[in-house]
ModelCIF file with pLDDT and N, C-alpha, C, O atoms, coordinates in Angstrom:
data_MODEL
#
_entry.id   MODEL 
#
_entity.id                         1 
_entity.type                       polymer 
_entity.pdbx_number_of_molecules   1 
#
_entity_poly.entity_id                      1 
_entity_poly.type                           'polypeptide(L)' 
_entity_poly.nstd_linkage                   no 
_entity_poly.nstd_monomer                   no 
_entity_poly.pdbx_seq_one_letter_code       GILEIADILVINKADRPGVENTEKALKSMLDLAH 
_entity_poly.pdbx_seq_one_letter_code_can   GILEIADILVINKADRPGVENTEKALKSMLDLAH 
_entity_poly.pdbx_strand_id                 A 
#
loop_
_entity_poly_seq.entity_id 
_entity_poly_seq.num 
_entity_poly_seq.mon_id 
_entity_poly_seq.hetero 
1 1  GLY n 
1 2  ILE n 
1 3  LEU n 
1 4  GLU n 
1 5  ILE n 
1 6  ALA n 
1 7  ASP n 
1 8  ILE n 
1 9  LEU n 
1 10 VAL n 
1 11 ILE n 
1 12 ASN n 
1 13 LYS n 
1 14 ALA n 
1 15 ASP n 
1 16 ARG n 
1 17 PRO n 
1 18 GLY n 
1 19 VAL n 
1 20 GLU n 
1 21 ASN n 
1 22 THR n 
1 23 GLU n 
1 24 LYS n 
1 25 ALA n 
1 26 LEU n 
1 27 LYS n 
1 28 SER n 
1 29 MET n 
1 30 LEU n 
1 31 ASP n 
1 32 LEU n 
1 33 ALA n 
1 34 HIS n 
#
_struct_asym.id          A 
_struct_asym.entity_id   1 
#
loop_
_ma_qa_metric.id 
_ma_qa_metric.mode 
_ma_qa_metric.name 
_ma_qa_metric.software_group_id 
_ma_qa_metric.type 
1 global pLDDT . pLDDT 
2 local  pLDDT . pLDDT 
#
_ma_qa_metric_global.metric_id      1 
_ma_qa_metric_global.metric_value   82.41 
_ma_qa_metric_global.model_id       1 
_ma_qa_metric_global.ordinal_id     1 
#
loop_
_ma_qa_metric_local.label_asym_id 
_ma_qa_metric_local.label_comp_id 
_ma_qa_metric_local.label_seq_id 
_ma_qa_metric_local.metric_id 
_ma_qa_metric_local.metric_value 
_ma_qa_metric_local.model_id 
_ma_qa_metric_local.ordinal_id 
A GLY 1  2 56.00 1 1  
A ILE 2  2 61.00 1 2  
A LEU 3  2 67.00 1 3  
A GLU 4  2 74.00 1 4  
A ILE 5  2 82.00 1 5  
A ALA 6  2 87.00 1 6  
A ASP 7  2 92.00 1 7  
A ILE 8  2 94.00 1 8  
A LEU 9  2 92.00 1 9  
A VAL 10 2 93.00 1 10 
A ILE 11 2 93.00 1 11 
A ASN 12 2 92.00 1 12 
A LYS 13 2 91.00 1 13 
A ALA 14 2 92.00 1 14 
A ASP 15 2 90.00 1 15 
A ARG 16 2 90.00 1 16 
A PRO 17 2 90.00 1 17 
A GLY 18 2 86.00 1 18 
A VAL 19 2 89.00 1 19 
A GLU 20 2 89.00 1 20 
A ASN 21 2 86.00 1 21 
A THR 22 2 85.00 1 22 
A GLU 23 2 88.00 1 23 
A LYS 24 2 86.00 1 24 
A ALA 25 2 84.00 1 25 
A LEU 26 2 85.00 1 26 
A LYS 27 2 85.00 1 27 
A SER 28 2 81.00 1 28 
A MET 29 2 79.00 1 29 
A LEU 30 2 79.00 1 30 
A ASP 31 2 76.00 1 31 
A LEU 32 2 72.00 1 32 
A ALA 33 2 62.00 1 33 
A HIS 34 2 54.00 1 34 
#
loop_
_atom_site.group_PDB 
_atom_site.id 
_atom_site.type_symbol 
_atom_site.label_atom_id 
_atom_site.label_alt_id 
_atom_site.label_comp_id 
_atom_site.label_asym_id 
_atom_site.label_entity_id 
_atom_site.label_seq_id 
_atom_site.pdbx_PDB_ins_code 
_atom_site.Cartn_x 
_atom_site.Cartn_y 
_atom_site.Cartn_z 
_atom_site.occupancy 
_atom_site.B_iso_or_equiv 
_atom_site.pdbx_formal_charge 
_atom_site.auth_seq_id 
_atom_site.auth_comp_id 
_atom_site.auth_asym_id 
_atom_site.auth_atom_id 
_atom_site.pdbx_PDB_model_num 
ATOM 1   N N  . GLY A 1 1  ? 0.501   -0.800 -6.879 1.00 56.00 ? 1  GLY A N  1 
ATOM 2   C CA . GLY A 1 1  ? 1.493   0.264  -6.779 1.00 56.00 ? 1  GLY A CA 1 
ATOM 3   C C  . GLY A 1 1  ? 1.015   1.606  -7.269 1.00 56.00 ? 1  GLY A C  1 
ATOM 4   O O  . GLY A 1 1  ? 1.652   2.623  -6.995 1.00 56.00 ? 1  GLY A O  1 
ATOM 5   N N  . ILE A 1 2  ? -0.105  1.639  -7.996 1.00 61.00 ? 2  ILE A N  1 
ATOM 6   C CA . ILE A 1 2  ? -0.545  2.920  -8.556 1.00 61.00 ? 2  ILE A CA 1 
ATOM 7   C C  . ILE A 1 2  ? -0.962  3.900  -7.481 1.00 61.00 ? 2  ILE A C  1 
ATOM 8   O O  . ILE A 1 2  ? -0.959  5.108  -7.717 1.00 61.00 ? 2  ILE A O  1 
ATOM 9   N N  . LEU A 1 3  ? -1.329  3.400  -6.282 1.00 67.00 ? 3  LEU A N  1 
ATOM 10  C CA . LEU A 1 3  ? -1.717  4.328  -5.222 1.00 67.00 ? 3  LEU A CA 1 
ATOM 11  C C  . LEU A 1 3  ? -0.543  5.200  -4.801 1.00 67.00 ? 3  LEU A C  1 
ATOM 12  O O  . LEU A 1 3  ? -0.740  6.316  -4.320 1.00 67.00 ? 3  LEU A O  1 
ATOM 13  N N  . GLU A 1 4  ? 0.662   4.708  -4.973 1.00 74.00 ? 4  GLU A N  1 
ATOM 14  C CA . GLU A 1 4  ? 1.842   5.449  -4.555 1.00 74.00 ? 4  GLU A CA 1 
ATOM 15  C C  . GLU A 1 4  ? 2.080   6.686  -5.426 1.00 74.00 ? 4  GLU A C  1 
ATOM 16  O O  . GLU A 1 4  ? 2.831   7.579  -5.032 1.00 74.00 ? 4  GLU A O  1 
ATOM 17  N N  . ILE A 1 5  ? 1.470   6.748  -6.570 1.00 82.00 ? 5  ILE A N  1 
ATOM 18  C CA . ILE A 1 5  ? 1.683   7.892  -7.453 1.00 82.00 ? 5  ILE A CA 1 
ATOM 19  C C  . ILE A 1 5  ? 0.580   8.925  -7.316 1.00 82.00 ? 5  ILE A C  1 
ATOM 20  O O  . ILE A 1 5  ? 0.621   9.959  -7.984 1.00 82.00 ? 5  ILE A O  1 
ATOM 21  N N  . ALA A 1 6  ? -0.417  8.665  -6.455 1.00 87.00 ? 6  ALA A N  1 
ATOM 22  C CA . ALA A 1 6  ? -1.593  9.531  -6.394 1.00 87.00 ? 6  ALA A CA 1 
ATOM 23  C C  . ALA A 1 6  ? -1.277  10.859 -5.741 1.00 87.00 ? 6  ALA A C  1 
ATOM 24  O O  . ALA A 1 6  ? -0.649  10.909 -4.683 1.00 87.00 ? 6  ALA A O  1 
ATOM 25  N N  . ASP A 1 7  ? -1.718  11.941 -6.378 1.00 92.00 ? 7  ASP A N  1 
ATOM 26  C CA . ASP A 1 7  ? -1.774  13.250 -5.740 1.00 92.00 ? 7  ASP A CA 1 
ATOM 27  C C  . ASP A 1 7  ? -3.149  13.460 -5.125 1.00 92.00 ? 7  ASP A C  1 
ATOM 28  O O  . ASP A 1 7  ? -3.293  14.146 -4.113 1.00 92.00 ? 7  ASP A O  1 
ATOM 29  N N  . ILE A 1 8  ? -4.151  12.865 -5.745 1.00 94.00 ? 8  ILE A N  1 
ATOM 30  C CA . ILE A 1 8  ? -5.516  12.900 -5.218 1.00 94.00 ? 8  ILE A CA 1 
ATOM 31  C C  . ILE A 1 8  ? -6.123  11.515 -5.421 1.00 94.00 ? 8  ILE A C  1 
ATOM 32  O O  . ILE A 1 8  ? -6.060  10.958 -6.517 1.00 94.00 ? 8  ILE A O  1 
ATOM 33  N N  . LEU A 1 9  ? -6.708  10.967 -4.367 1.00 92.00 ? 9  LEU A N  1 
ATOM 34  C CA . LEU A 1 9  ? -7.391  9.678  -4.453 1.00 92.00 ? 9  LEU A CA 1 
ATOM 35  C C  . LEU A 1 9  ? -8.884  9.936  -4.640 1.00 92.00 ? 9  LEU A C  1 
ATOM 36  O O  . LEU A 1 9  ? -9.494  10.685 -3.877 1.00 92.00 ? 9  LEU A O  1 
ATOM 37  N N  . VAL A 1 10 ? -9.460  9.314  -5.654 1.00 93.00 ? 10 VAL A N  1 
ATOM 38  C CA . VAL A 1 10 ? -10.878 9.508  -5.962 1.00 93.00 ? 10 VAL A CA 1 
ATOM 39  C C  . VAL A 1 10 ? -11.605 8.186  -5.784 1.00 93.00 ? 10 VAL A C  1 
ATOM 40  O O  . VAL A 1 10 ? -11.253 7.179  -6.398 1.00 93.00 ? 10 VAL A O  1 
ATOM 41  N N  . ILE A 1 11 ? -12.627 8.203  -4.933 1.00 93.00 ? 11 ILE A N  1 
ATOM 42  C CA . ILE A 1 11 ? -13.506 7.037  -4.824 1.00 93.00 ? 11 ILE A CA 1 
ATOM 43  C C  . ILE A 1 11 ? -14.741 7.356  -5.657 1.00 93.00 ? 11 ILE A C  1 
ATOM 44  O O  . ILE A 1 11 ? -15.651 8.048  -5.201 1.00 93.00 ? 11 ILE A O  1 
ATOM 45  N N  . ASN A 1 12 ? -14.757 6.848  -6.868 1.00 92.00 ? 12 ASN A N  1 
ATOM 46  C CA . ASN A 1 12 ? -15.906 7.072  -7.754 1.00 92.00 ? 12 ASN A CA 1 
ATOM 47  C C  . ASN A 1 12 ? -16.973 6.009  -7.479 1.00 92.00 ? 12 ASN A C  1 
ATOM 48  O O  . ASN A 1 12 ? -16.712 5.008  -6.813 1.00 92.00 ? 12 ASN A O  1 
ATOM 49  N N  . LYS A 1 13 ? -18.172 6.245  -8.001 1.00 91.00 ? 13 LYS A N  1 
ATOM 50  C CA . LYS A 1 13 ? -19.309 5.351  -7.739 1.00 91.00 ? 13 LYS A CA 1 
ATOM 51  C C  . LYS A 1 13 ? -19.541 5.232  -6.235 1.00 91.00 ? 13 LYS A C  1 
ATOM 52  O O  . LYS A 1 13 ? -19.806 4.151  -5.710 1.00 91.00 ? 13 LYS A O  1 
ATOM 53  N N  . ALA A 1 14 ? -19.432 6.387  -5.551 1.00 92.00 ? 14 ALA A N  1 
ATOM 54  C CA . ALA A 1 14 ? -19.493 6.410  -4.090 1.00 92.00 ? 14 ALA A CA 1 
ATOM 55  C C  . ALA A 1 14 ? -20.891 6.156  -3.546 1.00 92.00 ? 14 ALA A C  1 
ATOM 56  O O  . ALA A 1 14 ? -21.092 6.144  -2.331 1.00 92.00 ? 14 ALA A O  1 
ATOM 57  N N  . ASP A 1 15 ? -21.863 5.952  -4.440 1.00 90.00 ? 15 ASP A N  1 
ATOM 58  C CA . ASP A 1 15 ? -23.209 5.602  -3.988 1.00 90.00 ? 15 ASP A CA 1 
ATOM 59  C C  . ASP A 1 15 ? -23.365 4.095  -3.817 1.00 90.00 ? 15 ASP A C  1 
ATOM 60  O O  . ASP A 1 15 ? -24.432 3.623  -3.423 1.00 90.00 ? 15 ASP A O  1 
ATOM 61  N N  . ARG A 1 16 ? -22.316 3.342  -4.110 1.00 90.00 ? 16 ARG A N  1 
ATOM 62  C CA . ARG A 1 16 ? -22.378 1.887  -3.993 1.00 90.00 ? 16 ARG A CA 1 
ATOM 63  C C  . ARG A 1 16 ? -22.111 1.428  -2.567 1.00 90.00 ? 16 ARG A C  1 
ATOM 64  O O  . ARG A 1 16 ? -21.452 2.132  -1.802 1.00 90.00 ? 16 ARG A O  1 
ATOM 65  N N  . PRO A 1 17 ? -22.616 0.251  -2.203 1.00 90.00 ? 17 PRO A N  1 
ATOM 66  C CA . PRO A 1 17 ? -22.314 -0.315 -0.885 1.00 90.00 ? 17 PRO A CA 1 
ATOM 67  C C  . PRO A 1 17 ? -20.810 -0.567 -0.750 1.00 90.00 ? 17 PRO A C  1 
ATOM 68  O O  . PRO A 1 17 ? -20.140 -0.919 -1.721 1.00 90.00 ? 17 PRO A O  1 
ATOM 69  N N  . GLY A 1 18 ? -20.299 -0.384 0.450  1.00 86.00 ? 18 GLY A N  1 
ATOM 70  C CA . GLY A 1 18 ? -18.891 -0.656 0.708  1.00 86.00 ? 18 GLY A CA 1 
ATOM 71  C C  . GLY A 1 18 ? -17.984 0.543  0.575  1.00 86.00 ? 18 GLY A C  1 
ATOM 72  O O  . GLY A 1 18 ? -16.768 0.419  0.719  1.00 86.00 ? 18 GLY A O  1 
ATOM 73  N N  . VAL A 1 19 ? -18.564 1.722  0.299  1.00 89.00 ? 19 VAL A N  1 
ATOM 74  C CA . VAL A 1 19 ? -17.718 2.895  0.108  1.00 89.00 ? 19 VAL A CA 1 
ATOM 75  C C  . VAL A 1 19 ? -16.985 3.257  1.393  1.00 89.00 ? 19 VAL A C  1 
ATOM 76  O O  . VAL A 1 19 ? -15.852 3.737  1.350  1.00 89.00 ? 19 VAL A O  1 
ATOM 77  N N  . GLU A 1 20 ? -17.636 3.026  2.549  1.00 89.00 ? 20 GLU A N  1 
ATOM 78  C CA . GLU A 1 20 ? -16.996 3.350  3.826  1.00 89.00 ? 20 GLU A CA 1 
ATOM 79  C C  . GLU A 1 20 ? -15.751 2.491  4.040  1.00 89.00 ? 20 GLU A C  1 
ATOM 80  O O  . GLU A 1 20 ? -14.724 2.980  4.511  1.00 89.00 ? 20 GLU A O  1 
ATOM 81  N N  . ASN A 1 21 ? -15.851 1.212  3.693  1.00 86.00 ? 21 ASN A N  1 
ATOM 82  C CA . ASN A 1 21 ? -14.696 0.326  3.850  1.00 86.00 ? 21 ASN A CA 1 
ATOM 83  C C  . ASN A 1 21 ? -13.553 0.729  2.923  1.00 86.00 ? 21 ASN A C  1 
ATOM 84  O O  . ASN A 1 21 ? -12.385 0.691  3.311  1.00 86.00 ? 21 ASN A O  1 
ATOM 85  N N  . THR A 1 22 ? -13.898 1.114  1.702  1.00 85.00 ? 22 THR A N  1 
ATOM 86  C CA . THR A 1 22 ? -12.876 1.543  0.755  1.00 85.00 ? 22 THR A CA 1 
ATOM 87  C C  . THR A 1 22 ? -12.171 2.800  1.255  1.00 85.00 ? 22 THR A C  1 
ATOM 88  O O  . THR A 1 22 ? -10.945 2.902  1.199  1.00 85.00 ? 22 THR A O  1 
ATOM 89  N N  . GLU A 1 23 ? -12.969 3.764  1.750  1.00 88.00 ? 23 GLU A N  1 
ATOM 90  C CA . GLU A 1 23 ? -12.389 5.004  2.266  1.00 88.00 ? 23 GLU A CA 1 
ATOM 91  C C  . GLU A 1 23 ? -11.508 4.729  3.487  1.00 88.00 ? 23 GLU A C  1 
ATOM 92  O O  . GLU A 1 23 ? -10.435 5.315  3.629  1.00 88.00 ? 23 GLU A O  1 
ATOM 93  N N  . LYS A 1 24 ? -11.963 3.845  4.356  1.00 86.00 ? 24 LYS A N  1 
ATOM 94  C CA . LYS A 1 24 ? -11.191 3.508  5.552  1.00 86.00 ? 24 LYS A CA 1 
ATOM 95  C C  . LYS A 1 24 ? -9.851  2.869  5.177  1.00 86.00 ? 24 LYS A C  1 
ATOM 96  O O  . LYS A 1 24 ? -8.820  3.167  5.781  1.00 86.00 ? 24 LYS A O  1 
ATOM 97  N N  . ALA A 1 25 ? -9.880  1.986  4.173  1.00 84.00 ? 25 ALA A N  1 
ATOM 98  C CA . ALA A 1 25 ? -8.638  1.323  3.741  1.00 84.00 ? 25 ALA A CA 1 
ATOM 99  C C  . ALA A 1 25 ? -7.661  2.333  3.163  1.00 84.00 ? 25 ALA A C  1 
ATOM 100 O O  . ALA A 1 25 ? -6.460  2.258  3.421  1.00 84.00 ? 25 ALA A O  1 
ATOM 101 N N  . LEU A 1 26 ? -8.169  3.273  2.387  1.00 85.00 ? 26 LEU A N  1 
ATOM 102 C CA . LEU A 1 26 ? -7.298  4.287  1.799  1.00 85.00 ? 26 LEU A CA 1 
ATOM 103 C C  . LEU A 1 26 ? -6.718  5.212  2.866  1.00 85.00 ? 26 LEU A C  1 
ATOM 104 O O  . LEU A 1 26 ? -5.547  5.585  2.807  1.00 85.00 ? 26 LEU A O  1 
ATOM 105 N N  . LYS A 1 27 ? -7.550  5.577  3.840  1.00 85.00 ? 27 LYS A N  1 
ATOM 106 C CA . LYS A 1 27 ? -7.065  6.429  4.925  1.00 85.00 ? 27 LYS A CA 1 
ATOM 107 C C  . LYS A 1 27 ? -5.993  5.722  5.738  1.00 85.00 ? 27 LYS A C  1 
ATOM 108 O O  . LYS A 1 27 ? -5.021  6.347  6.161  1.00 85.00 ? 27 LYS A O  1 
ATOM 109 N N  . SER A 1 28 ? -6.161  4.437  5.955  1.00 81.00 ? 28 SER A N  1 
ATOM 110 C CA . SER A 1 28 ? -5.148  3.669  6.682  1.00 81.00 ? 28 SER A CA 1 
ATOM 111 C C  . SER A 1 28 ? -3.830  3.665  5.931  1.00 81.00 ? 28 SER A C  1 
ATOM 112 O O  . SER A 1 28 ? -2.756  3.783  6.521  1.00 81.00 ? 28 SER A O  1 
ATOM 113 N N  . MET A 1 29 ? -3.934  3.528  4.626  1.00 79.00 ? 29 MET A N  1 
ATOM 114 C CA . MET A 1 29 ? -2.725  3.542  3.812  1.00 79.00 ? 29 MET A CA 1 
ATOM 115 C C  . MET A 1 29 ? -2.017  4.893  3.906  1.00 79.00 ? 29 MET A C  1 
ATOM 116 O O  . MET A 1 29 ? -0.791  4.951  3.996  1.00 79.00 ? 29 MET A O  1 
ATOM 117 N N  . LEU A 1 30 ? -2.793  5.978  3.885  1.00 79.00 ? 30 LEU A N  1 
ATOM 118 C CA . LEU A 1 30 ? -2.203  7.310  3.975  1.00 79.00 ? 30 LEU A CA 1 
ATOM 119 C C  . LEU A 1 30 ? -1.586  7.559  5.348  1.00 79.00 ? 30 LEU A C  1 
ATOM 120 O O  . LEU A 1 30 ? -0.555  8.223  5.459  1.00 79.00 ? 30 LEU A O  1 
ATOM 121 N N  . ASP A 1 31 ? -2.212  7.030  6.385  1.00 76.00 ? 31 ASP A N  1 
ATOM 122 C CA . ASP A 1 31 ? -1.684  7.202  7.734  1.00 76.00 ? 31 ASP A CA 1 
ATOM 123 C C  . ASP A 1 31 ? -0.341  6.500  7.915  1.00 76.00 ? 31 ASP A C  1 
ATOM 124 O O  . ASP A 1 31 ? 0.495   6.930  8.709  1.00 76.00 ? 31 ASP A O  1 
ATOM 125 N N  . LEU A 1 32 ? -0.148  5.423  7.172  1.00 72.00 ? 32 LEU A N  1 
ATOM 126 C CA . LEU A 1 32 ? 1.095   4.667  7.284  1.00 72.00 ? 32 LEU A CA 1 
ATOM 127 C C  . LEU A 1 32 ? 2.239   5.308  6.517  1.00 72.00 ? 32 LEU A C  1 
ATOM 128 O O  . LEU A 1 32 ? 3.411   5.070  6.811  1.00 72.00 ? 32 LEU A O  1 
ATOM 129 N N  . ALA A 1 33 ? 1.890   6.118  5.536  1.00 62.00 ? 33 ALA A N  1 
ATOM 130 C CA . ALA A 1 33 ? 2.932   6.653  4.645  1.00 62.00 ? 33 ALA A CA 1 
ATOM 131 C C  . ALA A 1 33 ? 2.812   8.163  4.535  1.00 62.00 ? 33 ALA A C  1 
ATOM 132 O O  . ALA A 1 33 ? 1.878   8.680  3.922  1.00 62.00 ? 33 ALA A O  1 
ATOM 133 N N  . HIS A 1 34 ? 3.757   8.858  5.128  1.00 54.00 ? 34 HIS A N  1 
ATOM 134 C CA . HIS A 1 34 ? 3.895   10.303 4.922  1.00 54.00 ? 34 HIS A CA 1 
ATOM 135 C C  . HIS A 1 34 ? 5.295   10.531 4.391  1.00 54.00 ? 34 HIS A C  1 
ATOM 136 O O  . HIS A 1 34 ? 5.679   11.671 4.129  1.00 54.00 ? 34 HIS A O  1 
#
């Protein structure tokens, strides 16, 4: 539920593998909720 309170979403440690999947999941969540 903490994502619902975000004004800015930060993907830290973005040099790690899987960052694209994490970003895609977050973008999908934002697309569903305006």
